[in-house]
Amino acid sequence: MVAGEKSLHWVVDKWLAPTAAMPARVTQFCRSGRQRCCYVCVEASGPRGLLSIFFFRHDDGTWNVFPPTAERPSMNGHRLAAMATSLPV
């Protein structure tokens, strides 16, 4: 990934294309330590009216318009099966 790509500034420019005449501004910000959720809502005025977009921070530091996937419990049977077949009899 190119340095700066997927930064908050980069995605706001990509999605909202703010200008001096029609700037973008952060209207909401949330960072939850327990749930490790971080998002911002950015608004910009355009020819068709006000546009608001939520941007979500992912674990790798990038910002996207979709939330990160939640960690779910999983079983790793492949590793256990490999260990069982390599044990001496």
C-alpha atoms as a PDB file:
ATOM      1  CA  MET A   1       0.000   0.000   0.000  1.00  0.00           C
ATOM      2  CA  VAL A   2       1.309   3.464  -0.887  1.00  0.00           C
ATOM      3  CA  ALA A   3       2.095   5.651   2.138  1.00  0.00           C
ATOM      4  CA  GLY A   4      -0.928   7.775   2.993  1.00  0.00           C
ATOM      5  CA  GLU A   5      -3.319   5.642   0.974  1.00  0.00           C
ATOM      6  CA  LYS A   6      -6.393   4.762   3.007  1.00  0.00           C
ATOM      7  CA  SER A   7      -5.666   7.491   5.558  1.00  0.00           C
ATOM      8  CA  LEU A   8      -8.728   9.385   6.722  1.00  0.00           C
ATOM      9  CA  HIS A   9      -7.701  12.405   4.661  1.00  0.00           C
ATOM     10  CA  TRP A  10      -7.258  10.242   1.568  1.00  0.00           C
ATOM     11  CA  VAL A  11     -10.677   8.545   1.822  1.00  0.00           C
ATOM     12  CA  VAL A  12     -12.474  11.845   2.562  1.00  0.00           C
ATOM     13  CA  ASP A  13     -10.880  13.344  -0.565  1.00  0.00           C
ATOM     14  CA  LYS A  14     -11.822  10.247  -2.566  1.00  0.00           C
ATOM     15  CA  TRP A  15     -15.462  10.034  -1.473  1.00  0.00           C
ATOM     16  CA  LEU A  16     -16.424  13.672  -0.842  1.00  0.00           C
ATOM     17  CA  ALA A  17     -13.930  15.722  -2.920  1.00  0.00           C
ATOM     18  CA  PRO A  18     -14.110  18.760  -0.634  1.00  0.00           C
ATOM     19  CA  THR A  19     -13.082  22.188  -1.915  1.00  0.00           C
ATOM     20  CA  ALA A  20     -12.521  25.577  -0.303  1.00  0.00           C
ATOM     21  CA  ALA A  21     -16.007  26.578  -1.425  1.00  0.00           C
ATOM     22  CA  MET A  22     -17.572  23.311  -0.191  1.00  0.00           C
ATOM     23  CA  PRO A  23     -15.435  22.030   2.705  1.00  0.00           C
ATOM     24  CA  ALA A  24     -15.946  18.779   4.581  1.00  0.00           C
ATOM     25  CA  ARG A  25     -16.242  18.662   8.364  1.00  0.00           C
ATOM     26  CA  VAL A  26     -16.284  15.961  11.005  1.00  0.00           C
ATOM     27  CA  THR A  27     -19.687  15.862  12.713  1.00  0.00           C
ATOM     28  CA  GLN A  28     -19.324  12.709  14.828  1.00  0.00           C
ATOM     29  CA  PHE A  29     -16.405  10.821  16.290  1.00  0.00           C
ATOM     30  CA  CYS A  30     -16.384   7.653  18.369  1.00  0.00           C
ATOM     31  CA  ARG A  31     -13.585   5.543  19.746  1.00  0.00           C
ATOM     32  CA  SER A  32     -14.518   2.686  22.021  1.00  0.00           C
ATOM     33  CA  GLY A  33     -11.669   0.967  23.828  1.00  0.00           C
ATOM     34  CA  ARG A  34     -13.644  -2.096  24.868  1.00  0.00           C
ATOM     35  CA  GLN A  35     -15.112  -2.884  21.487  1.00  0.00           C
ATOM     36  CA  ARG A  36     -12.116  -1.486  19.578  1.00  0.00           C
ATOM     37  CA  CYS A  37     -14.463   0.452  17.315  1.00  0.00           C
ATOM     38  CA  CYS A  38     -13.460   3.773  15.839  1.00  0.00           C
ATOM     39  CA  TYR A  39     -15.460   5.792  13.330  1.00  0.00           C
ATOM     40  CA  VAL A  40     -16.043   9.340  12.163  1.00  0.00           C
ATOM     41  CA  CYS A  41     -18.943  10.907  10.294  1.00  0.00           C
ATOM     42  CA  VAL A  42     -17.894  13.511   7.743  1.00  0.00           C
ATOM     43  CA  GLU A  43     -20.324  15.911   6.025  1.00  0.00           C
ATOM     44  CA  ALA A  44     -19.867  17.968   2.886  1.00  0.00           C
ATOM     45  CA  SER A  45     -22.227  20.156   0.912  1.00  0.00           C
ATOM     46  CA  GLY A  46     -22.566  19.435  -2.739  1.00  0.00           C
ATOM     47  CA  PRO A  47     -24.693  20.471  -5.704  1.00  0.00           C
ATOM     48  CA  ARG A  48     -27.418  18.028  -4.589  1.00  0.00           C
ATOM     49  CA  GLY A  49     -27.333  18.993  -0.914  1.00  0.00           C
ATOM     50  CA  LEU A  50     -25.650  17.708   2.207  1.00  0.00           C
ATOM     51  CA  LEU A  51     -23.839  14.369   2.068  1.00  0.00           C
ATOM     52  CA  SER A  52     -22.765  12.454   5.190  1.00  0.00           C
ATOM     53  CA  ILE A  53     -20.512   9.398   5.148  1.00  0.00           C
ATOM     54  CA  PHE A  54     -19.273   7.244   8.032  1.00  0.00           C
ATOM     55  CA  PHE A  55     -15.655   6.082   7.856  1.00  0.00           C
ATOM     56  CA  PHE A  56     -14.444   3.165   9.991  1.00  0.00           C
ATOM     57  CA  ARG A  57     -10.879   2.567  11.156  1.00  0.00           C
ATOM     58  CA  HIS A  58      -9.600  -0.976  10.659  1.00  0.00           C
ATOM     59  CA  ASP A  59      -6.988  -2.848  12.704  1.00  0.00           C
ATOM     60  CA  ASP A  60      -4.325  -2.237  10.042  1.00  0.00           C
ATOM     61  CA  GLY A  61      -4.781   1.545  10.408  1.00  0.00           C
ATOM     62  CA  THR A  62      -6.722   2.097   7.188  1.00  0.00           C
ATOM     63  CA  TRP A  63     -10.068   3.903   6.948  1.00  0.00           C
ATOM     64  CA  ASN A  64     -12.959   2.468   4.925  1.00  0.00           C
ATOM     65  CA  VAL A  65     -16.669   3.080   4.356  1.00  0.00           C
ATOM     66  CA  PHE A  66     -17.462  -0.387   5.712  1.00  0.00           C
ATOM     67  CA  PRO A  67     -16.916  -1.478   9.323  1.00  0.00           C
ATOM     68  CA  PRO A  68     -14.216  -4.002  10.188  1.00  0.00           C
ATOM     69  CA  THR A  69     -15.309  -7.600  10.543  1.00  0.00           C
ATOM     70  CA  ALA A  70     -15.881  -8.702  14.096  1.00  0.00           C
ATOM     71  CA  GLU A  71     -13.625 -11.361  15.522  1.00  0.00           C
ATOM     72  CA  ARG A  72     -15.580 -14.543  15.952  1.00  0.00           C
ATOM     73  CA  PRO A  73     -14.782 -17.671  17.880  1.00  0.00           C
ATOM     74  CA  SER A  74     -13.339 -20.353  15.678  1.00  0.00           C
ATOM     75  CA  MET A  75     -12.017 -23.853  15.945  1.00  0.00           C
ATOM     76  CA  ASN A  76      -8.803 -24.832  14.304  1.00  0.00           C
ATOM     77  CA  GLY A  77      -9.251 -28.505  13.558  1.00  0.00           C
ATOM     78  CA  HIS A  78      -6.605 -28.581  10.827  1.00  0.00           C
ATOM     79  CA  ARG A  79      -3.758 -27.862  13.237  1.00  0.00           C
ATOM     80  CA  LEU A  80      -5.012 -30.439  15.738  1.00  0.00           C
ATOM     81  CA  ALA A  81      -5.434 -33.066  13.022  1.00  0.00           C
ATOM     82  CA  ALA A  82      -1.873 -32.444  11.794  1.00  0.00           C
ATOM     83  CA  MET A  83      -0.512 -32.831  15.318  1.00  0.00           C
ATOM     84  CA  ALA A  84      -2.417 -36.100  15.863  1.00  0.00           C
ATOM     85  CA  THR A  85      -1.026 -37.676  12.681  1.00  0.00           C
ATOM     86  CA  SER A  86       2.571 -36.728  13.555  1.00  0.00           C
ATOM     87  CA  LEU A  87       2.529 -38.281  17.060  1.00  0.00           C
ATOM     88  CA  PRO A  88       4.522 -41.503  17.454  1.00  0.00           C
ATOM     89  CA  VAL A  89       2.510 -44.628  18.146  1.00  0.00           C
END
